[in-house]
PDB file of N, CA and C in Angstrom:
ATOM      1  N   MET A   1       0.571  -1.202  -0.024  1.00  0.00           N
ATOM      2  CA  MET A   1      -0.133   0.088   0.378  1.00  0.00           C
ATOM      3  C   MET A   1       0.962   1.203  -0.445  1.00  0.00           C
ATOM      4  N   ASP A   2       0.422   2.203  -0.697  1.00  0.00           N
ATOM      5  CA  ASP A   2       1.197   3.589  -0.785  1.00  0.00           C
ATOM      6  C   ASP A   2       0.524   4.503  -0.054  1.00  0.00           C
ATOM      7  N   LYS A   3       1.513   5.228   0.384  1.00  0.00           N
ATOM      8  CA  LYS A   3       0.837   6.490   1.329  1.00  0.00           C
ATOM      9  C   LYS A   3       1.080   7.696   1.012  1.00  0.00           C
ATOM     10  N   LYS A   4       0.742   8.767   1.181  1.00  0.00           N
ATOM     11  CA  LYS A   4       1.480   9.885   0.821  1.00  0.00           C
ATOM     12  C   LYS A   4       0.553  10.892   1.752  1.00  0.00           C
ATOM     13  N   LEU A   5       1.173  12.443   2.393  1.00  0.00           N
ATOM     14  CA  LEU A   5       0.585  13.064   2.820  1.00  0.00           C
ATOM     15  C   LEU A   5       0.254  14.185   2.068  1.00  0.00           C
ATOM     16  N   HIS A   6      -0.949  14.875   2.253  1.00  0.00           N
ATOM     17  CA  HIS A   6      -1.565  15.963   1.356  1.00  0.00           C
ATOM     18  C   HIS A   6      -2.016  17.349   2.395  1.00  0.00           C
ATOM     19  N   LEU A   7      -1.148  18.226   1.601  1.00  0.00           N
ATOM     20  CA  LEU A   7      -1.466  19.262   2.804  1.00  0.00           C
ATOM     21  C   LEU A   7      -2.582  20.127   2.784  1.00  0.00           C
ATOM     22  N   LEU A   8      -3.639  20.126   4.257  1.00  0.00           N
ATOM     23  CA  LEU A   8      -4.585  20.702   4.124  1.00  0.00           C
ATOM     24  C   LEU A   8      -4.565  21.906   4.382  1.00  0.00           C
ATOM     25  N   ASP A   9      -3.823  22.825   5.294  1.00  0.00           N
ATOM     26  CA  ASP A   9      -3.782  24.210   5.706  1.00  0.00           C
ATOM     27  C   ASP A   9      -2.275  24.314   6.329  1.00  0.00           C
ATOM     28  N   SER A  10      -2.454  25.533   7.061  1.00  0.00           N
ATOM     29  CA  SER A  10      -0.765  26.039   7.478  1.00  0.00           C
ATOM     30  C   SER A  10      -1.994  27.454   8.188  1.00  0.00           C
ATOM     31  N   PHE A  11      -0.770  27.111   9.333  1.00  0.00           N
ATOM     32  CA  PHE A  11      -1.470  28.487  10.257  1.00  0.00           C
ATOM     33  C   PHE A  11      -0.064  28.895  11.118  1.00  0.00           C
ATOM     34  N   ARG A  12      -0.116  30.044  11.463  1.00  0.00           N
ATOM     35  CA  ARG A  12       1.134  30.772  12.768  1.00  0.00           C
ATOM     36  C   ARG A  12       0.756  30.471  13.937  1.00  0.00           C
ATOM     37  N   VAL A  13       1.567  30.197  14.524  1.00  0.00           N
ATOM     38  CA  VAL A  13       1.483  29.917  16.111  1.00  0.00           C
ATOM     39  C   VAL A  13       2.705  30.934  16.680  1.00  0.00           C
ATOM     40  N   HIS A  14       2.785  30.954  18.279  1.00  0.00           N
ATOM     41  CA  HIS A  14       3.822  31.310  18.743  1.00  0.00           C
ATOM     42  C   HIS A  14       4.222  30.532  20.003  1.00  0.00           C
ATOM     43  N   GLY A  15       5.913  30.211  20.021  1.00  0.00           N
ATOM     44  CA  GLY A  15       6.386  29.596  21.088  1.00  0.00           C
ATOM     45  C   GLY A  15       6.276  30.312  21.870  1.00  0.00           C
ATOM     46  N   ALA A  16       6.561  29.170  23.094  1.00  0.00           N
ATOM     47  CA  ALA A  16       6.731  29.884  24.668  1.00  0.00           C
ATOM     48  C   ALA A  16       8.500  30.843  24.638  1.00  0.00           C
ATOM     49  N   ASP A  17       9.020  30.194  23.711  1.00  0.00           N
ATOM     50  CA  ASP A  17      10.227  30.742  23.744  1.00  0.00           C
ATOM     51  C   ASP A  17       9.993  32.707  22.986  1.00  0.00           C
ATOM     52  N   GLY A  18       8.963  33.121  22.426  1.00  0.00           N
ATOM     53  CA  GLY A  18       8.940  34.280  22.209  1.00  0.00           C
ATOM     54  C   GLY A  18       8.830  34.513  20.559  1.00  0.00           C
ATOM     55  N   ALA A  19       9.072  32.931  19.750  1.00  0.00           N
ATOM     56  CA  ALA A  19       9.112  32.922  18.326  1.00  0.00           C
ATOM     57  C   ALA A  19       7.836  32.433  17.516  1.00  0.00           C
ATOM     58  N   ALA A  20       7.684  32.993  16.635  1.00  0.00           N
ATOM     59  CA  ALA A  20       6.535  32.822  15.543  1.00  0.00           C
ATOM     60  C   ALA A  20       6.581  31.755  14.591  1.00  0.00           C
ATOM     61  N   TYR A  21       6.427  30.629  14.885  1.00  0.00           N
ATOM     62  CA  TYR A  21       5.915  29.254  13.712  1.00  0.00           C
ATOM     63  C   TYR A  21       5.179  29.143  13.045  1.00  0.00           C
ATOM     64  N   LYS A  22       5.268  28.357  11.820  1.00  0.00           N
ATOM     65  CA  LYS A  22       4.646  28.498  11.246  1.00  0.00           C
ATOM     66  C   LYS A  22       4.183  26.438  11.239  1.00  0.00           C
ATOM     67  N   VAL A  23       2.642  26.225  11.460  1.00  0.00           N
ATOM     68  CA  VAL A  23       2.397  24.776  11.529  1.00  0.00           C
ATOM     69  C   VAL A  23       1.753  24.304  10.164  1.00  0.00           C
ATOM     70  N   MET A  24       1.999  23.127   9.581  1.00  0.00           N
ATOM     71  CA  MET A  24       1.319  22.572   8.227  1.00  0.00           C
ATOM     72  C   MET A  24       0.610  21.867   8.827  1.00  0.00           C
ATOM     73  N   ALA A  25      -0.382  21.450   8.545  1.00  0.00           N
ATOM     74  CA  ALA A  25      -2.020  20.481   8.626  1.00  0.00           C
ATOM     75  C   ALA A  25      -1.682  19.155   7.452  1.00  0.00           C
ATOM     76  N   TYR A  26      -1.252  17.917   7.696  1.00  0.00           N
ATOM     77  CA  TYR A  26      -1.458  17.277   6.172  1.00  0.00           C
ATOM     78  C   TYR A  26      -2.146  15.766   6.377  1.00  0.00           C
ATOM     79  N   GLU A  27      -3.243  15.906   5.615  1.00  0.00           N
ATOM     80  CA  GLU A  27      -3.947  14.720   5.622  1.00  0.00           C
ATOM     81  C   GLU A  27      -3.147  13.174   5.240  1.00  0.00           C
ATOM     82  N   HIS A  28      -3.097  12.039   5.959  1.00  0.00           N
ATOM     83  CA  HIS A  28      -2.396  10.642   5.325  1.00  0.00           C
ATOM     84  C   HIS A  28      -3.274  10.263   4.167  1.00  0.00           C
ATOM     85  N   MET A  29      -3.356  10.011   3.302  1.00  0.00           N
ATOM     86  CA  MET A  29      -3.562   9.238   1.909  1.00  0.00           C
ATOM     87  C   MET A  29      -3.133   7.866   1.712  1.00  0.00           C
ATOM     88  N   LEU A  30      -4.129   7.387   1.254  1.00  0.00           N
ATOM     89  CA  LEU A  30      -3.429   5.702   0.986  1.00  0.00           C
ATOM     90  C   LEU A  30      -4.041   5.380  -0.316  1.00  0.00           C
ATOM     91  N   ARG A  31      -3.227   5.118  -1.486  1.00  0.00           N
ATOM     92  CA  ARG A  31      -4.005   4.585  -2.822  1.00  0.00           C
ATOM     93  C   ARG A  31      -4.378   3.526  -2.839  1.00  0.00           C
ATOM     94  N   THR A  32      -5.385   3.480  -3.888  1.00  0.00           N
ATOM     95  CA  THR A  32      -6.412   2.453  -3.968  1.00  0.00           C
ATOM     96  C   THR A  32      -5.855   1.771  -4.984  1.00  0.00           C
ATOM     97  N   ASP A  33      -6.037   0.553  -5.433  1.00  0.00           N
ATOM     98  CA  ASP A  33      -5.834  -0.120  -6.691  1.00  0.00           C
ATOM     99  C   ASP A  33      -6.615  -0.222  -7.391  1.00  0.00           C
ATOM    100  N   VAL A  34      -7.818   0.711  -7.781  1.00  0.00           N
ATOM    101  CA  VAL A  34      -8.441   1.187  -8.514  1.00  0.00           C
ATOM    102  C   VAL A  34      -7.785   1.808  -9.804  1.00  0.00           C
ATOM    103  N   LEU A  35      -7.793   1.435 -10.520  1.00  0.00           N
ATOM    104  CA  LEU A  35      -7.352   2.585 -12.308  1.00  0.00           C
ATOM    105  C   LEU A  35      -7.968   2.658 -12.955  1.00  0.00           C
ATOM    106  N   GLN A  36      -9.048   2.045 -12.715  1.00  0.00           N
ATOM    107  CA  GLN A  36      -9.953   2.157 -14.122  1.00  0.00           C
ATOM    108  C   GLN A  36      -9.428   3.002 -15.088  1.00  0.00           C
ATOM    109  N   ASP A  37      -9.545   3.913 -14.847  1.00  0.00           N
ATOM    110  CA  ASP A  37      -9.429   5.494 -15.919  1.00  0.00           C
ATOM    111  C   ASP A  37      -7.641   5.663 -16.070  1.00  0.00           C
ATOM    112  N   GLY A  38      -6.896   4.965 -15.381  1.00  0.00           N
ATOM    113  CA  GLY A  38      -5.523   4.765 -16.031  1.00  0.00           C
ATOM    114  C   GLY A  38      -4.802   6.202 -14.780  1.00  0.00           C
ATOM    115  N   ALA A  39      -5.412   6.634 -14.415  1.00  0.00           N
ATOM    116  CA  ALA A  39      -4.887   7.707 -12.916  1.00  0.00           C
ATOM    117  C   ALA A  39      -5.132   6.929 -11.717  1.00  0.00           C
ATOM    118  N   GLU A  40      -3.922   7.624 -10.941  1.00  0.00           N
ATOM    119  CA  GLU A  40      -3.758   7.123  -9.553  1.00  0.00           C
ATOM    120  C   GLU A  40      -4.771   7.761  -8.977  1.00  0.00           C
ATOM    121  N   HIS A  41      -5.509   6.543  -7.747  1.00  0.00           N
ATOM    122  CA  HIS A  41      -6.621   7.175  -6.827  1.00  0.00           C
ATOM    123  C   HIS A  41      -6.284   7.502  -5.476  1.00  0.00           C
ATOM    124  N   TRP A  42      -6.540   7.991  -4.938  1.00  0.00           N
ATOM    125  CA  TRP A  42      -5.776   8.477  -3.268  1.00  0.00           C
ATOM    126  C   TRP A  42      -7.242   8.722  -2.299  1.00  0.00           C
ATOM    127  N   GLU A  43      -7.651   7.718  -1.517  1.00  0.00           N
ATOM    128  CA  GLU A  43      -8.239   8.038  -0.436  1.00  0.00           C
ATOM    129  C   GLU A  43      -7.662   8.515   1.079  1.00  0.00           C
ATOM    130  N   PRO A  44      -8.510   9.272   1.406  1.00  0.00           N
ATOM    131  CA  PRO A  44      -8.029  10.330   2.590  1.00  0.00           C
ATOM    132  C   PRO A  44      -8.600   9.125   3.976  1.00  0.00           C
ATOM    133  N   THR A  45      -7.289   8.779   4.876  1.00  0.00           N
ATOM    134  CA  THR A  45      -7.464   7.731   5.898  1.00  0.00           C
ATOM    135  C   THR A  45      -8.093   8.298   7.230  1.00  0.00           C
ATOM    136  N   GLY A  46      -8.459   9.823   7.470  1.00  0.00           N
ATOM    137  CA  GLY A  46      -9.069  10.224   8.322  1.00  0.00           C
ATOM    138  C   GLY A  46      -8.146  10.799   9.397  1.00  0.00           C
ATOM    139  N   LEU A  47      -6.786  10.628   9.280  1.00  0.00           N
ATOM    140  CA  LEU A  47      -5.711  10.981  10.091  1.00  0.00           C
ATOM    141  C   LEU A  47      -4.845  12.200   9.550  1.00  0.00           C
ATOM    142  N   THR A  48      -4.734  12.943  10.569  1.00  0.00           N
ATOM    143  CA  THR A  48      -3.812  14.754  10.320  1.00  0.00           C
ATOM    144  C   THR A  48      -2.591  14.156  11.267  1.00  0.00           C
ATOM    145  N   GLU A  49      -1.523  14.757  10.353  1.00  0.00           N
ATOM    146  CA  GLU A  49      -0.276  15.470  11.380  1.00  0.00           C
ATOM    147  C   GLU A  49       0.106  16.378  10.800  1.00  0.00           C
ATOM    148  N   TYR A  50       0.363  16.780  12.233  1.00  0.00           N
ATOM    149  CA  TYR A  50       0.819  18.624  11.863  1.00  0.00           C
ATOM    150  C   TYR A  50       2.426  18.984  12.406  1.00  0.00           C
ATOM    151  N   ARG A  51       3.006  19.616  11.438  1.00  0.00           N
ATOM    152  CA  ARG A  51       4.664  19.703  11.781  1.00  0.00           C
ATOM    153  C   ARG A  51       4.920  21.192  11.385  1.00  0.00           C
ATOM    154  N   LEU A  52       6.145  21.239  12.118  1.00  0.00           N
ATOM    155  CA  LEU A  52       6.200  22.927  11.725  1.00  0.00           C
ATOM    156  C   LEU A  52       6.891  22.824  10.220  1.00  0.00           C
ATOM    157  N   GLU A  53       6.998  23.910   9.968  1.00  0.00           N
ATOM    158  CA  GLU A  53       7.353  24.000   8.711  1.00  0.00           C
ATOM    159  C   GLU A  53       8.598  23.570   8.111  1.00  0.00           C
ATOM    160  N   SER A  54       9.353  23.701   8.956  1.00  0.00           N
ATOM    161  CA  SER A  54      11.015  23.193   9.220  1.00  0.00           C
ATOM    162  C   SER A  54      11.096  21.438   9.327  1.00  0.00           C
ATOM    163  N   GLY A  55       9.837  20.666   9.504  1.00  0.00           N
ATOM    164  CA  GLY A  55       9.518  19.768   9.233  1.00  0.00           C
ATOM    165  C   GLY A  55       9.513  18.428  10.588  1.00  0.00           C
ATOM    166  N   GLU A  56       9.989  19.231  12.064  1.00  0.00           N
ATOM    167  CA  GLU A  56       9.490  18.947  13.224  1.00  0.00           C
ATOM    168  C   GLU A  56       8.404  18.550  13.120  1.00  0.00           C
ATOM    169  N   ARG A  57       7.817  16.959  14.067  1.00  0.00           N
ATOM    170  CA  ARG A  57       6.202  17.055  13.721  1.00  0.00           C
ATOM    171  C   ARG A  57       6.024  17.655  15.746  1.00  0.00           C
ATOM    172  N   VAL A  58       4.076  17.981  15.273  1.00  0.00           N
ATOM    173  CA  VAL A  58       3.689  18.969  16.455  1.00  0.00           C
ATOM    174  C   VAL A  58       2.904  17.786  16.752  1.00  0.00           C
ATOM    175  N   ASP A  59       2.020  17.692  18.276  1.00  0.00           N
ATOM    176  CA  ASP A  59       1.528  17.017  18.438  1.00  0.00           C
ATOM    177  C   ASP A  59       0.414  18.211  19.317  1.00  0.00           C
ATOM    178  N   LEU A  60      -0.924  17.716  19.156  1.00  0.00           N
ATOM    179  CA  LEU A  60      -1.834  18.687  19.852  1.00  0.00           C
ATOM    180  C   LEU A  60      -2.406  18.466  21.430  1.00  0.00           C
ATOM    181  N   VAL A  61      -1.863  19.103  22.083  1.00  0.00           N
ATOM    182  CA  VAL A  61      -2.012  19.155  23.294  1.00  0.00           C
ATOM    183  C   VAL A  61      -3.401  19.129  24.289  1.00  0.00           C
ATOM    184  N   GLY A  62      -4.261  20.517  23.205  1.00  0.00           N
ATOM    185  CA  GLY A  62      -5.628  20.818  23.937  1.00  0.00           C
ATOM    186  C   GLY A  62      -5.632  22.274  24.341  1.00  0.00           C
ATOM    187  N   ASN A  63      -6.434  23.017  24.146  1.00  0.00           N
ATOM    188  CA  ASN A  63      -6.741  24.552  24.540  1.00  0.00           C
ATOM    189  C   ASN A  63      -6.022  25.156  23.840  1.00  0.00           C
ATOM    190  N   GLY A  64      -5.672  25.119  22.337  1.00  0.00           N
ATOM    191  CA  GLY A  64      -4.761  25.661  21.632  1.00  0.00           C
ATOM    192  C   GLY A  64      -3.767  25.693  21.919  1.00  0.00           C
ATOM    193  N   VAL A  65      -3.047  24.723  22.716  1.00  0.00           N
ATOM    194  CA  VAL A  65      -1.901  24.339  22.794  1.00  0.00           C
ATOM    195  C   VAL A  65      -1.224  23.410  22.413  1.00  0.00           C
ATOM    196  N   MET A  66      -0.038  23.496  21.851  1.00  0.00           N
ATOM    197  CA  MET A  66       0.249  22.134  20.844  1.00  0.00           C
ATOM    198  C   MET A  66       1.533  22.152  21.380  1.00  0.00           C
ATOM    199  N   ARG A  67       2.255  21.196  20.840  1.00  0.00           N
ATOM    200  CA  ARG A  67       4.430  20.441  21.749  1.00  0.00           C
ATOM    201  C   ARG A  67       4.767  20.399  20.499  1.00  0.00           C
ATOM    202  N   VAL A  68       6.010  20.618  20.255  1.00  0.00           N
ATOM    203  CA  VAL A  68       6.658  20.220  19.320  1.00  0.00           C
ATOM    204  C   VAL A  68       7.693  18.669  19.252  1.00  0.00           C
ATOM    205  N   VAL A  69       7.445  18.021  19.306  1.00  0.00           N
ATOM    206  CA  VAL A  69       7.847  16.534  19.874  1.00  0.00           C
ATOM    207  C   VAL A  69       8.983  16.458  20.195  1.00  0.00           C
ATOM    208  N   PRO A  70      10.188  16.825  19.393  1.00  0.00           N
ATOM    209  CA  PRO A  70      11.356  16.368  19.427  1.00  0.00           C
ATOM    210  C   PRO A  70      12.281  17.481  21.089  1.00  0.00           C
ATOM    211  N   THR A  71      11.468  18.584  20.644  1.00  0.00           N
ATOM    212  CA  THR A  71      12.144  19.394  21.780  1.00  0.00           C
ATOM    213  C   THR A  71      11.526  19.843  22.864  1.00  0.00           C
ATOM    214  N   GLY A  72       9.791  19.437  23.619  1.00  0.00           N
ATOM    215  CA  GLY A  72       9.112  19.975  23.524  1.00  0.00           C
ATOM    216  C   GLY A  72       8.309  21.344  24.201  1.00  0.00           C
ATOM    217  N   LEU A  73       8.859  22.153  22.940  1.00  0.00           N
ATOM    218  CA  LEU A  73       8.574  23.234  23.338  1.00  0.00           C
ATOM    219  C   LEU A  73       7.164  23.887  23.095  1.00  0.00           C
ATOM    220  N   GLU A  74       6.643  24.603  24.012  1.00  0.00           N
ATOM    221  CA  GLU A  74       4.945  24.940  23.805  1.00  0.00           C
ATOM    222  C   GLU A  74       4.741  25.768  22.687  1.00  0.00           C
ATOM    223  N   LEU A  75       3.534  25.363  21.774  1.00  0.00           N
ATOM    224  CA  LEU A  75       2.946  26.809  21.148  1.00  0.00           C
ATOM    225  C   LEU A  75       1.578  26.954  21.368  1.00  0.00           C
ATOM    226  N   ARG A  76       1.477  28.067  21.201  1.00  0.00           N
ATOM    227  CA  ARG A  76      -0.245  28.608  21.495  1.00  0.00           C
ATOM    228  C   ARG A  76      -0.051  29.413  19.902  1.00  0.00           C
ATOM    229  N   MET A  77      -1.667  28.699  19.557  1.00  0.00           N
ATOM    230  CA  MET A  77      -2.447  29.530  18.384  1.00  0.00           C
ATOM    231  C   MET A  77      -2.081  30.719  18.313  1.00  0.00           C
ATOM    232  N   THR A  78      -2.352  31.161  17.295  1.00  0.00           N
ATOM    233  CA  THR A  78      -2.378  32.809  17.350  1.00  0.00           C
ATOM    234  C   THR A  78      -4.594  32.935  17.168  1.00  0.00           C
ATOM    235  N   GLU A  79      -4.702  34.031  17.466  1.00  0.00           N
ATOM    236  CA  GLU A  79      -6.244  34.179  17.131  1.00  0.00           C
ATOM    237  C   GLU A  79      -6.923  33.611  15.678  1.00  0.00           C
ATOM    238  N   GLU A  80      -6.146  34.221  15.349  1.00  0.00           N
ATOM    239  CA  GLU A  80      -6.904  33.498  13.474  1.00  0.00           C
ATOM    240  C   GLU A  80      -6.738  32.584  13.127  1.00  0.00           C
ATOM    241  N   ALA A  81      -5.550  31.668  13.748  1.00  0.00           N
ATOM    242  CA  ALA A  81      -5.782  30.402  13.752  1.00  0.00           C
ATOM    243  C   ALA A  81      -6.356  29.521  14.593  1.00  0.00           C
ATOM    244  N   SER A  82      -7.151  29.881  15.969  1.00  0.00           N
ATOM    245  CA  SER A  82      -7.736  29.037  16.715  1.00  0.00           C
ATOM    246  C   SER A  82      -8.022  28.257  16.432  1.00  0.00           C
ATOM    247  N   ALA A  83      -8.916  28.530  15.741  1.00  0.00           N
ATOM    248  CA  ALA A  83     -10.371  27.464  15.216  1.00  0.00           C
ATOM    249  C   ALA A  83     -10.117  26.324  14.124  1.00  0.00           C
ATOM    250  N   THR A  84      -8.733  26.197  13.989  1.00  0.00           N
ATOM    251  CA  THR A  84      -8.679  25.770  12.592  1.00  0.00           C
ATOM    252  C   THR A  84      -8.183  24.309  12.841  1.00  0.00           C
ATOM    253  N   PRO A  85      -7.256  23.882  13.832  1.00  0.00           N
ATOM    254  CA  PRO A  85      -7.142  22.199  14.141  1.00  0.00           C
ATOM    255  C   PRO A  85      -8.140  21.868  15.395  1.00  0.00           C
ATOM    256  N   ALA A  86      -8.351  20.734  15.190  1.00  0.00           N
ATOM    257  CA  ALA A  86      -9.751  20.542  15.796  1.00  0.00           C
ATOM    258  C   ALA A  86      -8.442  19.732  17.812  1.00  0.00           C
ATOM    259  N   GLY A  87      -9.302  19.362  18.076  1.00  0.00           N
ATOM    260  CA  GLY A  87      -8.961  18.564  19.678  1.00  0.00           C
ATOM    261  C   GLY A  87      -8.357  16.955  18.570  1.00  0.00           C
ATOM    262  N   GLY A  88      -7.647  16.469  19.725  1.00  0.00           N
ATOM    263  CA  GLY A  88      -6.950  14.816  19.684  1.00  0.00           C
ATOM    264  C   GLY A  88      -5.656  15.172  19.582  1.00  0.00           C
ATOM    265  N   LYS A  89      -5.172  14.353  20.076  1.00  0.00           N
ATOM    266  CA  LYS A  89      -3.942  13.937  20.090  1.00  0.00           C
ATOM    267  C   LYS A  89      -3.007  13.777  18.827  1.00  0.00           C
ATOM    268  N   GLY A  90      -2.503  14.745  18.265  1.00  0.00           N
ATOM    269  CA  GLY A  90      -2.033  14.507  16.551  1.00  0.00           C
ATOM    270  C   GLY A  90      -3.151  13.979  15.575  1.00  0.00           C
ATOM    271  N   LYS A  91      -3.935  13.597  15.762  1.00  0.00           N
ATOM    272  CA  LYS A  91      -4.611  12.890  15.056  1.00  0.00           C
ATOM    273  C   LYS A  91      -5.791  13.746  15.066  1.00  0.00           C
ATOM    274  N   ARG A  92      -6.544  13.721  13.898  1.00  0.00           N
ATOM    275  CA  ARG A  92      -8.359  14.248  13.775  1.00  0.00           C
ATOM    276  C   ARG A  92      -9.326  14.017  12.603  1.00  0.00           C
ATOM    277  N   LYS A  93      -9.993  13.968  12.642  1.00  0.00           N
ATOM    278  CA  LYS A  93     -11.270  13.845  11.216  1.00  0.00           C
ATOM    279  C   LYS A  93     -10.310  14.554  10.500  1.00  0.00           C
ATOM    280  N   ALA A  94     -10.433  14.436   9.261  1.00  0.00           N
ATOM    281  CA  ALA A  94      -9.707  15.540   8.460  1.00  0.00           C
ATOM    282  C   ALA A  94     -10.790  15.986   7.514  1.00  0.00           C
ATOM    283  N   ARG A  95     -10.783  16.881   6.935  1.00  0.00           N
ATOM    284  CA  ARG A  95     -11.809  17.354   5.351  1.00  0.00           C
ATOM    285  C   ARG A  95     -11.260  16.594   4.359  1.00  0.00           C
ATOM    286  N   SER A  96     -12.313  16.182   4.005  1.00  0.00           N
ATOM    287  CA  SER A  96     -11.821  15.544   2.292  1.00  0.00           C
ATOM    288  C   SER A  96     -11.717  16.872   1.525  1.00  0.00           C
ATOM    289  N   HIS A  97     -10.730  16.802   0.332  1.00  0.00           N
ATOM    290  CA  HIS A  97     -11.173  17.490  -0.219  1.00  0.00           C
ATOM    291  C   HIS A  97     -10.534  16.799  -1.651  1.00  0.00           C
ATOM    292  N   HIS A  98     -11.976  16.941  -2.297  1.00  0.00           N
ATOM    293  CA  HIS A  98     -12.099  16.160  -3.595  1.00  0.00           C
ATOM    294  C   HIS A  98     -12.518  16.717  -4.941  1.00  0.00           C
TER     295      HIS A  98
END
């Protein structure tokens, strides 16, 4: 089974260190074996992964707080981004873009 990440959204956050960061939300996609029209077909798995723009994985903690996995740095969403990610520990039901 082939898998890929599909960019869903990106938003700005502020780190506990005072710096601004950009978080990217990716949906996990799975390639289906149906190639009736000769094109690749991908289906969403329902899992979303968050990463800093630089690539480090980010987990959702809750109440607008996220944590950078390798460093433990806490991130807080800015007001314009606070409605973007839903709750869950790094996974959420993702929107389907077909």
